[in-house]
Amino acid sequence: IWQPRTYRSDDVDGVWFVQTATGDPAVDT
C-alpha cells in the first residue's frame, strides 16, 4: 500500500516494524 503524502505520527500505530528512508534526517529522527 502506498500512501502518497507526508508522514504522520499515527502512521506507526499498530505496526510491528518501521523502516525510515526519507533522506531527510529531521523526518527520519
mmCIF file of all heavy atoms, coordinates in Angstrom:
data_MODEL
# 
_entry.id   MODEL 
# 
loop_
_atom_site.group_PDB 
_atom_site.id 
_atom_site.type_symbol 
_atom_site.label_atom_id 
_atom_site.label_alt_id 
_atom_site.label_comp_id 
_atom_site.label_asym_id 
_atom_site.label_entity_id 
_atom_site.label_seq_id 
_atom_site.pdbx_PDB_ins_code 
_atom_site.Cartn_x 
_atom_site.Cartn_y 
_atom_site.Cartn_z 
_atom_site.occupancy 
_atom_site.B_iso_or_equiv 
_atom_site.pdbx_formal_charge 
_atom_site.auth_seq_id 
_atom_site.auth_comp_id 
_atom_site.auth_asym_id 
_atom_site.auth_atom_id 
_atom_site.pdbx_PDB_model_num 
ATOM 1   N N   . ILE A 1 1  ? 0.847  -1.185 0.000  1.00 0.00 ? 1  ILE A N   1 
ATOM 2   C CA  . ILE A 1 1  ? 0.000  0.000  0.000  1.00 0.00 ? 1  ILE A CA  1 
ATOM 3   C C   . ILE A 1 1  ? 0.888  1.242  0.000  1.00 0.00 ? 1  ILE A C   1 
ATOM 4   O O   . ILE A 1 1  ? 1.805  1.353  0.818  1.00 0.00 ? 1  ILE A O   1 
ATOM 5   C CB  . ILE A 1 1  ? -0.910 0.020  1.238  1.00 0.00 ? 1  ILE A CB  1 
ATOM 6   C CG1 . ILE A 1 1  ? -1.870 -1.186 1.203  1.00 0.00 ? 1  ILE A CG1 1 
ATOM 7   C CG2 . ILE A 1 1  ? -1.712 1.318  1.306  1.00 0.00 ? 1  ILE A CG2 1 
ATOM 8   C CD1 . ILE A 1 1  ? -2.664 -1.348 2.482  1.00 0.00 ? 1  ILE A CD1 1 
ATOM 9   N N   . TRP A 1 2  ? 0.631  2.134  -0.935 1.00 0.00 ? 2  TRP A N   1 
ATOM 10  C CA  . TRP A 1 2  ? 1.373  3.404  -0.972 1.00 0.00 ? 2  TRP A CA  1 
ATOM 11  C C   . TRP A 1 2  ? 0.430  4.532  -0.599 1.00 0.00 ? 2  TRP A C   1 
ATOM 12  O O   . TRP A 1 2  ? -0.608 4.738  -1.230 1.00 0.00 ? 2  TRP A O   1 
ATOM 13  C CB  . TRP A 1 2  ? 1.963  3.628  -2.361 1.00 0.00 ? 2  TRP A CB  1 
ATOM 14  C CG  . TRP A 1 2  ? 2.580  5.000  -2.532 1.00 0.00 ? 2  TRP A CG  1 
ATOM 15  C CD1 . TRP A 1 2  ? 3.275  5.702  -1.602 1.00 0.00 ? 2  TRP A CD1 1 
ATOM 16  C CD2 . TRP A 1 2  ? 2.530  5.822  -3.700 1.00 0.00 ? 2  TRP A CD2 1 
ATOM 17  N NE1 . TRP A 1 2  ? 3.694  6.911  -2.107 1.00 0.00 ? 2  TRP A NE1 1 
ATOM 18  C CE2 . TRP A 1 2  ? 3.246  7.017  -3.400 1.00 0.00 ? 2  TRP A CE2 1 
ATOM 19  C CE3 . TRP A 1 2  ? 1.972  5.665  -4.960 1.00 0.00 ? 2  TRP A CE3 1 
ATOM 20  C CZ2 . TRP A 1 2  ? 3.403  8.031  -4.338 1.00 0.00 ? 2  TRP A CZ2 1 
ATOM 21  C CZ3 . TRP A 1 2  ? 2.130  6.674  -5.894 1.00 0.00 ? 2  TRP A CZ3 1 
ATOM 22  C CH2 . TRP A 1 2  ? 2.841  7.850  -5.576 1.00 0.00 ? 2  TRP A CH2 1 
ATOM 23  N N   . GLN A 1 3  ? 0.800  5.261  0.459  1.00 0.00 ? 3  GLN A N   1 
ATOM 24  C CA  . GLN A 1 3  ? 0.074  6.453  0.870  1.00 0.00 ? 3  GLN A CA  1 
ATOM 25  C C   . GLN A 1 3  ? 0.850  7.678  0.351  1.00 0.00 ? 3  GLN A C   1 
ATOM 26  O O   . GLN A 1 3  ? 1.893  8.038  0.904  1.00 0.00 ? 3  GLN A O   1 
ATOM 27  C CB  . GLN A 1 3  ? -0.027 6.524  2.401  1.00 0.00 ? 3  GLN A CB  1 
ATOM 28  C CG  . GLN A 1 3  ? -0.765 5.366  3.029  1.00 0.00 ? 3  GLN A CG  1 
ATOM 29  C CD  . GLN A 1 3  ? -2.274 5.479  2.855  1.00 0.00 ? 3  GLN A CD  1 
ATOM 30  O OE1 . GLN A 1 3  ? -2.780 6.485  2.345  1.00 0.00 ? 3  GLN A OE1 1 
ATOM 31  N NE2 . GLN A 1 3  ? -2.996 4.455  3.257  1.00 0.00 ? 3  GLN A NE2 1 
ATOM 32  N N   . PRO A 1 4  ? 0.375  8.327  -0.718 1.00 0.00 ? 4  PRO A N   1 
ATOM 33  C CA  . PRO A 1 4  ? 1.128  9.442  -1.328 1.00 0.00 ? 4  PRO A CA  1 
ATOM 34  C C   . PRO A 1 4  ? 0.963  10.753 -0.552 1.00 0.00 ? 4  PRO A C   1 
ATOM 35  O O   . PRO A 1 4  ? 0.270  11.677 -0.993 1.00 0.00 ? 4  PRO A O   1 
ATOM 36  C CB  . PRO A 1 4  ? 0.531  9.528  -2.730 1.00 0.00 ? 4  PRO A CB  1 
ATOM 37  C CG  . PRO A 1 4  ? -0.868 9.022  -2.572 1.00 0.00 ? 4  PRO A CG  1 
ATOM 38  C CD  . PRO A 1 4  ? -0.832 7.984  -1.497 1.00 0.00 ? 4  PRO A CD  1 
ATOM 39  N N   . ARG A 1 5  ? 1.614  10.831 0.569  1.00 0.00 ? 5  ARG A N   1 
ATOM 40  C CA  . ARG A 1 5  ? 1.507  12.010 1.438  1.00 0.00 ? 5  ARG A CA  1 
ATOM 41  C C   . ARG A 1 5  ? 2.706  12.040 2.370  1.00 0.00 ? 5  ARG A C   1 
ATOM 42  O O   . ARG A 1 5  ? 3.529  11.111 2.381  1.00 0.00 ? 5  ARG A O   1 
ATOM 43  C CB  . ARG A 1 5  ? 0.209  11.964 2.257  1.00 0.00 ? 5  ARG A CB  1 
ATOM 44  C CG  . ARG A 1 5  ? 0.069  10.696 3.093  1.00 0.00 ? 5  ARG A CG  1 
ATOM 45  C CD  . ARG A 1 5  ? -1.116 10.760 4.042  1.00 0.00 ? 5  ARG A CD  1 
ATOM 46  N NE  . ARG A 1 5  ? -1.329 9.496  4.718  1.00 0.00 ? 5  ARG A NE  1 
ATOM 47  C CZ  . ARG A 1 5  ? -0.639 9.069  5.758  1.00 0.00 ? 5  ARG A CZ  1 
ATOM 48  N NH1 . ARG A 1 5  ? 0.375  9.799  6.229  1.00 0.00 ? 5  ARG A NH1 1 
ATOM 49  N NH2 . ARG A 1 5  ? -0.911 7.906  6.327  1.00 0.00 ? 5  ARG A NH2 1 
ATOM 50  N N   . THR A 1 6  ? 2.786  13.104 3.191  1.00 0.00 ? 6  THR A N   1 
ATOM 51  C CA  . THR A 1 6  ? 3.846  13.191 4.190  1.00 0.00 ? 6  THR A CA  1 
ATOM 52  C C   . THR A 1 6  ? 3.509  12.320 5.400  1.00 0.00 ? 6  THR A C   1 
ATOM 53  O O   . THR A 1 6  ? 2.356  11.938 5.618  1.00 0.00 ? 6  THR A O   1 
ATOM 54  C CB  . THR A 1 6  ? 4.051  14.646 4.636  1.00 0.00 ? 6  THR A CB  1 
ATOM 55  O OG1 . THR A 1 6  ? 2.815  15.145 5.178  1.00 0.00 ? 6  THR A OG1 1 
ATOM 56  C CG2 . THR A 1 6  ? 4.494  15.514 3.467  1.00 0.00 ? 6  THR A CG2 1 
ATOM 57  N N   . TYR A 1 7  ? 4.523  12.058 6.191  1.00 0.00 ? 7  TYR A N   1 
ATOM 58  C CA  . TYR A 1 7  ? 4.388  11.186 7.361  1.00 0.00 ? 7  TYR A CA  1 
ATOM 59  C C   . TYR A 1 7  ? 3.569  11.864 8.463  1.00 0.00 ? 7  TYR A C   1 
ATOM 60  O O   . TYR A 1 7  ? 3.660  13.076 8.698  1.00 0.00 ? 7  TYR A O   1 
ATOM 61  C CB  . TYR A 1 7  ? 5.788  10.831 7.888  1.00 0.00 ? 7  TYR A CB  1 
ATOM 62  C CG  . TYR A 1 7  ? 5.787  10.215 9.269  1.00 0.00 ? 7  TYR A CG  1 
ATOM 63  C CD1 . TYR A 1 7  ? 5.420  8.886  9.444  1.00 0.00 ? 7  TYR A CD1 1 
ATOM 64  C CD2 . TYR A 1 7  ? 6.142  10.976 10.385 1.00 0.00 ? 7  TYR A CD2 1 
ATOM 65  C CE1 . TYR A 1 7  ? 5.402  8.319  10.709 1.00 0.00 ? 7  TYR A CE1 1 
ATOM 66  C CE2 . TYR A 1 7  ? 6.131  10.413 11.653 1.00 0.00 ? 7  TYR A CE2 1 
ATOM 67  C CZ  . TYR A 1 7  ? 5.752  9.093  11.812 1.00 0.00 ? 7  TYR A CZ  1 
ATOM 68  O OH  . TYR A 1 7  ? 5.726  8.537  13.066 1.00 0.00 ? 7  TYR A OH  1 
ATOM 69  N N   . ARG A 1 8  ? 2.752  11.042 9.175  1.00 0.00 ? 8  ARG A N   1 
ATOM 70  C CA  . ARG A 1 8  ? 2.027  11.482 10.368 1.00 0.00 ? 8  ARG A CA  1 
ATOM 71  C C   . ARG A 1 8  ? 2.394  10.550 11.517 1.00 0.00 ? 8  ARG A C   1 
ATOM 72  O O   . ARG A 1 8  ? 2.648  9.347  11.295 1.00 0.00 ? 8  ARG A O   1 
ATOM 73  C CB  . ARG A 1 8  ? 0.515  11.431 10.149 1.00 0.00 ? 8  ARG A CB  1 
ATOM 74  C CG  . ARG A 1 8  ? -0.008 12.345 9.046  1.00 0.00 ? 8  ARG A CG  1 
ATOM 75  C CD  . ARG A 1 8  ? -1.530 12.463 9.127  1.00 0.00 ? 8  ARG A CD  1 
ATOM 76  N NE  . ARG A 1 8  ? -2.188 11.160 9.116  1.00 0.00 ? 8  ARG A NE  1 
ATOM 77  C CZ  . ARG A 1 8  ? -2.921 10.702 8.085  1.00 0.00 ? 8  ARG A CZ  1 
ATOM 78  N NH1 . ARG A 1 8  ? -3.063 11.453 7.000  1.00 0.00 ? 8  ARG A NH1 1 
ATOM 79  N NH2 . ARG A 1 8  ? -3.503 9.537  8.171  1.00 0.00 ? 8  ARG A NH2 1 
ATOM 80  N N   . SER A 1 9  ? 2.379  11.074 12.739 1.00 0.00 ? 9  SER A N   1 
ATOM 81  C CA  . SER A 1 9  ? 2.786  10.276 13.896 1.00 0.00 ? 9  SER A CA  1 
ATOM 82  C C   . SER A 1 9  ? 1.923  9.043  14.086 1.00 0.00 ? 9  SER A C   1 
ATOM 83  O O   . SER A 1 9  ? 2.403  7.997  14.564 1.00 0.00 ? 9  SER A O   1 
ATOM 84  C CB  . SER A 1 9  ? 2.751  11.132 15.172 1.00 0.00 ? 9  SER A CB  1 
ATOM 85  O OG  . SER A 1 9  ? 3.735  12.140 15.116 1.00 0.00 ? 9  SER A OG  1 
ATOM 86  N N   . ASP A 1 10 ? 0.628  9.130  13.713 1.00 0.00 ? 10 ASP A N   1 
ATOM 87  C CA  . ASP A 1 10 ? -0.228 7.956  13.919 1.00 0.00 ? 10 ASP A CA  1 
ATOM 88  C C   . ASP A 1 10 ? 0.021  6.851  12.889 1.00 0.00 ? 10 ASP A C   1 
ATOM 89  O O   . ASP A 1 10 ? -0.594 5.780  12.962 1.00 0.00 ? 10 ASP A O   1 
ATOM 90  C CB  . ASP A 1 10 ? -1.705 8.357  13.925 1.00 0.00 ? 10 ASP A CB  1 
ATOM 91  C CG  . ASP A 1 10 ? -2.149 9.006  12.620 1.00 0.00 ? 10 ASP A CG  1 
ATOM 92  O OD1 . ASP A 1 10 ? -1.318 9.147  11.704 1.00 0.00 ? 10 ASP A OD1 1 
ATOM 93  O OD2 . ASP A 1 10 ? -3.345 9.377  12.537 1.00 0.00 ? 10 ASP A OD2 1 
ATOM 94  N N   . ASP A 1 11 ? 0.946  7.090  11.927 1.00 0.00 ? 11 ASP A N   1 
ATOM 95  C CA  . ASP A 1 11 ? 1.284  6.028  10.965 1.00 0.00 ? 11 ASP A CA  1 
ATOM 96  C C   . ASP A 1 11 ? 1.932  4.824  11.646 1.00 0.00 ? 11 ASP A C   1 
ATOM 97  O O   . ASP A 1 11 ? 1.881  3.705  11.109 1.00 0.00 ? 11 ASP A O   1 
ATOM 98  C CB  . ASP A 1 11 ? 2.216  6.562  9.872  1.00 0.00 ? 11 ASP A CB  1 
ATOM 99  C CG  . ASP A 1 11 ? 1.495  7.448  8.866  1.00 0.00 ? 11 ASP A CG  1 
ATOM 100 O OD1 . ASP A 1 11 ? 0.290  7.209  8.626  1.00 0.00 ? 11 ASP A OD1 1 
ATOM 101 O OD2 . ASP A 1 11 ? 2.133  8.374  8.339  1.00 0.00 ? 11 ASP A OD2 1 
ATOM 102 N N   . VAL A 1 12 ? 2.562  5.035  12.810 1.00 0.00 ? 12 VAL A N   1 
ATOM 103 C CA  . VAL A 1 12 ? 3.232  3.912  13.479 1.00 0.00 ? 12 VAL A CA  1 
ATOM 104 C C   . VAL A 1 12 ? 2.259  3.108  14.342 1.00 0.00 ? 12 VAL A C   1 
ATOM 105 O O   . VAL A 1 12 ? 2.640  2.071  14.883 1.00 0.00 ? 12 VAL A O   1 
ATOM 106 C CB  . VAL A 1 12 ? 4.421  4.397  14.343 1.00 0.00 ? 12 VAL A CB  1 
ATOM 107 C CG1 . VAL A 1 12 ? 5.437  5.112  13.487 1.00 0.00 ? 12 VAL A CG1 1 
ATOM 108 C CG2 . VAL A 1 12 ? 3.941  5.265  15.476 1.00 0.00 ? 12 VAL A CG2 1 
ATOM 109 N N   . ASP A 1 13 ? 1.013  3.551  14.465 1.00 0.00 ? 13 ASP A N   1 
ATOM 110 C CA  . ASP A 1 13 ? 0.045  2.839  15.290 1.00 0.00 ? 13 ASP A CA  1 
ATOM 111 C C   . ASP A 1 13 ? -0.197 1.427  14.736 1.00 0.00 ? 13 ASP A C   1 
ATOM 112 O O   . ASP A 1 13 ? -0.525 1.263  13.548 1.00 0.00 ? 13 ASP A O   1 
ATOM 113 C CB  . ASP A 1 13 ? -1.290 3.587  15.351 1.00 0.00 ? 13 ASP A CB  1 
ATOM 114 C CG  . ASP A 1 13 ? -1.189 4.915  16.099 1.00 0.00 ? 13 ASP A CG  1 
ATOM 115 O OD1 . ASP A 1 13 ? -0.152 5.134  16.747 1.00 0.00 ? 13 ASP A OD1 1 
ATOM 116 O OD2 . ASP A 1 13 ? -2.138 5.710  16.008 1.00 0.00 ? 13 ASP A OD2 1 
ATOM 117 N N   . GLY A 1 14 ? -0.017 0.435  15.565 1.00 0.00 ? 14 GLY A N   1 
ATOM 118 C CA  . GLY A 1 14 ? -0.375 -0.937 15.193 1.00 0.00 ? 14 GLY A CA  1 
ATOM 119 C C   . GLY A 1 14 ? 0.622  -1.664 14.323 1.00 0.00 ? 14 GLY A C   1 
ATOM 120 O O   . GLY A 1 14 ? 0.361  -2.799 13.912 1.00 0.00 ? 14 GLY A O   1 
ATOM 121 N N   . VAL A 1 15 ? 1.761  -1.059 13.999 1.00 0.00 ? 15 VAL A N   1 
ATOM 122 C CA  . VAL A 1 15 ? 2.732  -1.760 13.153 1.00 0.00 ? 15 VAL A CA  1 
ATOM 123 C C   . VAL A 1 15 ? 3.747  -2.498 14.020 1.00 0.00 ? 15 VAL A C   1 
ATOM 124 O O   . VAL A 1 15 ? 3.926  -2.202 15.210 1.00 0.00 ? 15 VAL A O   1 
ATOM 125 C CB  . VAL A 1 15 ? 3.456  -0.795 12.191 1.00 0.00 ? 15 VAL A CB  1 
ATOM 126 C CG1 . VAL A 1 15 ? 2.451  -0.070 11.314 1.00 0.00 ? 15 VAL A CG1 1 
ATOM 127 C CG2 . VAL A 1 15 ? 4.333  0.188  12.951 1.00 0.00 ? 15 VAL A CG2 1 
ATOM 128 N N   . TRP A 1 16 ? 4.405  -3.462 13.427 1.00 0.00 ? 16 TRP A N   1 
ATOM 129 C CA  . TRP A 1 16 ? 5.387  -4.280 14.148 1.00 0.00 ? 16 TRP A CA  1 
ATOM 130 C C   . TRP A 1 16 ? 6.819  -3.799 13.931 1.00 0.00 ? 16 TRP A C   1 
ATOM 131 O O   . TRP A 1 16 ? 7.702  -4.098 14.719 1.00 0.00 ? 16 TRP A O   1 
ATOM 132 C CB  . TRP A 1 16 ? 5.281  -5.735 13.679 1.00 0.00 ? 16 TRP A CB  1 
ATOM 133 C CG  . TRP A 1 16 ? 4.109  -6.473 14.220 1.00 0.00 ? 16 TRP A CG  1 
ATOM 134 C CD1 . TRP A 1 16 ? 2.792  -6.262 13.898 1.00 0.00 ? 16 TRP A CD1 1 
ATOM 135 C CD2 . TRP A 1 16 ? 4.120  -7.510 15.186 1.00 0.00 ? 16 TRP A CD2 1 
ATOM 136 N NE1 . TRP A 1 16 ? 1.983  -7.114 14.594 1.00 0.00 ? 16 TRP A NE1 1 
ATOM 137 C CE2 . TRP A 1 16 ? 2.770  -7.909 15.405 1.00 0.00 ? 16 TRP A CE2 1 
ATOM 138 C CE3 . TRP A 1 16 ? 5.114  -8.163 15.897 1.00 0.00 ? 16 TRP A CE3 1 
ATOM 139 C CZ2 . TRP A 1 16 ? 2.417  -8.918 16.284 1.00 0.00 ? 16 TRP A CZ2 1 
ATOM 140 C CZ3 . TRP A 1 16 ? 4.767  -9.176 16.770 1.00 0.00 ? 16 TRP A CZ3 1 
ATOM 141 C CH2 . TRP A 1 16 ? 3.429  -9.534 16.970 1.00 0.00 ? 16 TRP A CH2 1 
ATOM 142 N N   . PHE A 1 17 ? 7.025  -3.088 12.830 1.00 0.00 ? 17 PHE A N   1 
ATOM 143 C CA  . PHE A 1 17 ? 8.399  -2.741 12.441 1.00 0.00 ? 17 PHE A CA  1 
ATOM 144 C C   . PHE A 1 17 ? 8.336  -1.519 11.546 1.00 0.00 ? 17 PHE A C   1 
ATOM 145 O O   . PHE A 1 17 ? 7.407  -1.369 10.738 1.00 0.00 ? 17 PHE A O   1 
ATOM 146 C CB  . PHE A 1 17 ? 9.045  -3.922 11.716 1.00 0.00 ? 17 PHE A CB  1 
ATOM 147 C CG  . PHE A 1 17 ? 10.471 -3.712 11.309 1.00 0.00 ? 17 PHE A CG  1 
ATOM 148 C CD1 . PHE A 1 17 ? 11.502 -3.873 12.219 1.00 0.00 ? 17 PHE A CD1 1 
ATOM 149 C CD2 . PHE A 1 17 ? 10.792 -3.358 10.002 1.00 0.00 ? 17 PHE A CD2 1 
ATOM 150 C CE1 . PHE A 1 17 ? 12.821 -3.681 11.837 1.00 0.00 ? 17 PHE A CE1 1 
ATOM 151 C CE2 . PHE A 1 17 ? 12.101 -3.170 9.621  1.00 0.00 ? 17 PHE A CE2 1 
ATOM 152 C CZ  . PHE A 1 17 ? 13.123 -3.327 10.549 1.00 0.00 ? 17 PHE A CZ  1 
ATOM 153 N N   . VAL A 1 18 ? 9.333  -0.635 11.689 1.00 0.00 ? 18 VAL A N   1 
ATOM 154 C CA  . VAL A 1 18 ? 9.379  0.602  10.907 1.00 0.00 ? 18 VAL A CA  1 
ATOM 155 C C   . VAL A 1 18 ? 10.750 0.746  10.258 1.00 0.00 ? 18 VAL A C   1 
ATOM 156 O O   . VAL A 1 18 ? 11.787 0.472  10.888 1.00 0.00 ? 18 VAL A O   1 
ATOM 157 C CB  . VAL A 1 18 ? 9.091  1.835  11.791 1.00 0.00 ? 18 VAL A CB  1 
ATOM 158 C CG1 . VAL A 1 18 ? 9.191  3.121  10.958 1.00 0.00 ? 18 VAL A CG1 1 
ATOM 159 C CG2 . VAL A 1 18 ? 7.720  1.733  12.438 1.00 0.00 ? 18 VAL A CG2 1 
ATOM 160 N N   . GLN A 1 19 ? 10.749 1.184  9.011  1.00 0.00 ? 19 GLN A N   1 
ATOM 161 C CA  . GLN A 1 19 ? 11.978 1.498  8.288  1.00 0.00 ? 19 GLN A CA  1 
ATOM 162 C C   . GLN A 1 19 ? 11.874 2.927  7.776  1.00 0.00 ? 19 GLN A C   1 
ATOM 163 O O   . GLN A 1 19 ? 10.947 3.271  7.036  1.00 0.00 ? 19 GLN A O   1 
ATOM 164 C CB  . GLN A 1 19 ? 12.170 0.560  7.101  1.00 0.00 ? 19 GLN A CB  1 
ATOM 165 C CG  . GLN A 1 19 ? 13.280 0.979  6.132  1.00 0.00 ? 19 GLN A CG  1 
ATOM 166 C CD  . GLN A 1 19 ? 14.672 0.714  6.678  1.00 0.00 ? 19 GLN A CD  1 
ATOM 167 O OE1 . GLN A 1 19 ? 14.999 -0.407 7.017  1.00 0.00 ? 19 GLN A OE1 1 
ATOM 168 N NE2 . GLN A 1 19 ? 15.497 1.761  6.750  1.00 0.00 ? 19 GLN A NE2 1 
ATOM 169 N N   . THR A 1 20 ? 12.804 3.807  8.215  1.00 0.00 ? 20 THR A N   1 
ATOM 170 C CA  . THR A 1 20 ? 12.842 5.155  7.669  1.00 0.00 ? 20 THR A CA  1 
ATOM 171 C C   . THR A 1 20 ? 13.825 5.209  6.510  1.00 0.00 ? 20 THR A C   1 
ATOM 172 O O   . THR A 1 20 ? 14.892 4.594  6.561  1.00 0.00 ? 20 THR A O   1 
ATOM 173 C CB  . THR A 1 20 ? 13.260 6.190  8.729  1.00 0.00 ? 20 THR A CB  1 
ATOM 174 O OG1 . THR A 1 20 ? 14.670 6.103  8.942  1.00 0.00 ? 20 THR A OG1 1 
ATOM 175 C CG2 . THR A 1 20 ? 12.532 5.967  10.033 1.00 0.00 ? 20 THR A CG2 1 
ATOM 176 N N   . ALA A 1 21 ? 13.457 5.940  5.475  1.00 0.00 ? 21 ALA A N   1 
ATOM 177 C CA  . ALA A 1 21 ? 14.342 6.068  4.313  1.00 0.00 ? 21 ALA A CA  1 
ATOM 178 C C   . ALA A 1 21 ? 13.936 7.297  3.513  1.00 0.00 ? 21 ALA A C   1 
ATOM 179 O O   . ALA A 1 21 ? 13.842 7.253  2.283  1.00 0.00 ? 21 ALA A O   1 
ATOM 180 C CB  . ALA A 1 21 ? 14.269 4.806  3.454  1.00 0.00 ? 21 ALA A CB  1 
ATOM 181 N N   . THR A 1 22 ? 13.702 8.416  4.204  1.00 0.00 ? 22 THR A N   1 
ATOM 182 C CA  . THR A 1 22 ? 13.265 9.625  3.502  1.00 0.00 ? 22 THR A CA  1 
ATOM 183 C C   . THR A 1 22 ? 14.414 10.413 2.911  1.00 0.00 ? 22 THR A C   1 
ATOM 184 O O   . THR A 1 22 ? 14.234 11.205 1.986  1.00 0.00 ? 22 THR A O   1 
ATOM 185 C CB  . THR A 1 22 ? 12.492 10.552 4.457  1.00 0.00 ? 22 THR A CB  1 
ATOM 186 O OG1 . THR A 1 22 ? 13.390 11.065 5.454  1.00 0.00 ? 22 THR A OG1 1 
ATOM 187 C CG2 . THR A 1 22 ? 11.338 9.813  5.120  1.00 0.00 ? 22 THR A CG2 1 
ATOM 188 N N   . GLY A 1 23 ? 15.623 10.239 3.459  1.00 0.00 ? 23 GLY A N   1 
ATOM 189 C CA  . GLY A 1 23 ? 16.752 11.065 3.061  1.00 0.00 ? 23 GLY A CA  1 
ATOM 190 C C   . GLY A 1 23 ? 16.794 12.384 3.798  1.00 0.00 ? 23 GLY A C   1 
ATOM 191 O O   . GLY A 1 23 ? 17.742 13.162 3.625  1.00 0.00 ? 23 GLY A O   1 
ATOM 192 N N   . ASP A 1 24 ? 15.806 12.639 4.633  1.00 0.00 ? 24 ASP A N   1 
ATOM 193 C CA  . ASP A 1 24 ? 15.751 13.865 5.432  1.00 0.00 ? 24 ASP A CA  1 
ATOM 194 C C   . ASP A 1 24 ? 15.970 13.473 6.889  1.00 0.00 ? 24 ASP A C   1 
ATOM 195 O O   . ASP A 1 24 ? 15.082 12.877 7.517  1.00 0.00 ? 24 ASP A O   1 
ATOM 196 C CB  . ASP A 1 24 ? 14.400 14.543 5.265  1.00 0.00 ? 24 ASP A CB  1 
ATOM 197 C CG  . ASP A 1 24 ? 14.308 15.887 5.988  1.00 0.00 ? 24 ASP A CG  1 
ATOM 198 O OD1 . ASP A 1 24 ? 15.035 16.083 6.984  1.00 0.00 ? 24 ASP A OD1 1 
ATOM 199 O OD2 . ASP A 1 24 ? 13.490 16.724 5.562  1.00 0.00 ? 24 ASP A OD2 1 
ATOM 200 N N   . PRO A 1 25 ? 17.148 13.792 7.484  1.00 0.00 ? 25 PRO A N   1 
ATOM 201 C CA  . PRO A 1 25 ? 17.432 13.359 8.855  1.00 0.00 ? 25 PRO A CA  1 
ATOM 202 C C   . PRO A 1 25 ? 16.388 13.827 9.858  1.00 0.00 ? 25 PRO A C   1 
ATOM 203 O O   . PRO A 1 25 ? 16.078 13.102 10.811 1.00 0.00 ? 25 PRO A O   1 
ATOM 204 C CB  . PRO A 1 25 ? 18.806 13.977 9.140  1.00 0.00 ? 25 PRO A CB  1 
ATOM 205 C CG  . PRO A 1 25 ? 19.431 14.148 7.795  1.00 0.00 ? 25 PRO A CG  1 
ATOM 206 C CD  . PRO A 1 25 ? 18.315 14.475 6.873  1.00 0.00 ? 25 PRO A CD  1 
ATOM 207 N N   . ALA A 1 26 ? 15.837 14.996 9.674  1.00 0.00 ? 26 ALA A N   1 
ATOM 208 C CA  . ALA A 1 26 ? 14.850 15.501 10.635 1.00 0.00 ? 26 ALA A CA  1 
ATOM 209 C C   . ALA A 1 26 ? 13.597 14.635 10.619 1.00 0.00 ? 26 ALA A C   1 
ATOM 210 O O   . ALA A 1 26 ? 13.043 14.283 11.680 1.00 0.00 ? 26 ALA A O   1 
ATOM 211 C CB  . ALA A 1 26 ? 14.508 16.950 10.306 1.00 0.00 ? 26 ALA A CB  1 
ATOM 212 N N   . VAL A 1 27 ? 13.125 14.272 9.417  1.00 0.00 ? 27 VAL A N   1 
ATOM 213 C CA  . VAL A 1 27 ? 11.931 13.424 9.326  1.00 0.00 ? 27 VAL A CA  1 
ATOM 214 C C   . VAL A 1 27 ? 12.223 12.030 9.864  1.00 0.00 ? 27 VAL A C   1 
ATOM 215 O O   . VAL A 1 27 ? 11.434 11.456 10.617 1.00 0.00 ? 27 VAL A O   1 
ATOM 216 C CB  . VAL A 1 27 ? 11.427 13.359 7.876  1.00 0.00 ? 27 VAL A CB  1 
ATOM 217 C CG1 . VAL A 1 27 ? 10.244 12.394 7.761  1.00 0.00 ? 27 VAL A CG1 1 
ATOM 218 C CG2 . VAL A 1 27 ? 11.033 14.739 7.378  1.00 0.00 ? 27 VAL A CG2 1 
ATOM 219 N N   . ASP A 1 28 ? 13.375 11.480 9.494  1.00 0.00 ? 28 ASP A N   1 
ATOM 220 C CA  . ASP A 1 28 ? 13.730 10.141 9.963  1.00 0.00 ? 28 ASP A CA  1 
ATOM 221 C C   . ASP A 1 28 ? 13.831 10.101 11.486 1.00 0.00 ? 28 ASP A C   1 
ATOM 222 O O   . ASP A 1 28 ? 13.388 9.141  12.123 1.00 0.00 ? 28 ASP A O   1 
ATOM 223 C CB  . ASP A 1 28 ? 15.055 9.693  9.334  1.00 0.00 ? 28 ASP A CB  1 
ATOM 224 C CG  . ASP A 1 28 ? 14.900 9.309  7.863  1.00 0.00 ? 28 ASP A CG  1 
ATOM 225 O OD1 . ASP A 1 28 ? 13.750 9.265  7.386  1.00 0.00 ? 28 ASP A OD1 1 
ATOM 226 O OD2 . ASP A 1 28 ? 15.928 9.046  7.208  1.00 0.00 ? 28 ASP A OD2 1 
ATOM 227 N N   . THR A 1 29 ? 14.398 11.154 12.065 1.00 0.00 ? 29 THR A N   1 
ATOM 228 C CA  . THR A 1 29 ? 14.511 11.210 13.522 1.00 0.00 ? 29 THR A CA  1 
ATOM 229 C C   . THR A 1 29 ? 13.134 11.279 14.180 1.00 0.00 ? 29 THR A C   1 
ATOM 230 O O   . THR A 1 29 ? 12.884 10.650 15.211 1.00 0.00 ? 29 THR A O   1 
ATOM 231 C CB  . THR A 1 29 ? 15.370 12.415 13.932 1.00 0.00 ? 29 THR A CB  1 
ATOM 232 O OG1 . THR A 1 29 ? 16.675 12.270 13.383 1.00 0.00 ? 29 THR A OG1 1 
ATOM 233 C CG2 . THR A 1 29 ? 15.467 12.520 15.446 1.00 0.00 ? 29 THR A CG2 1 
# 
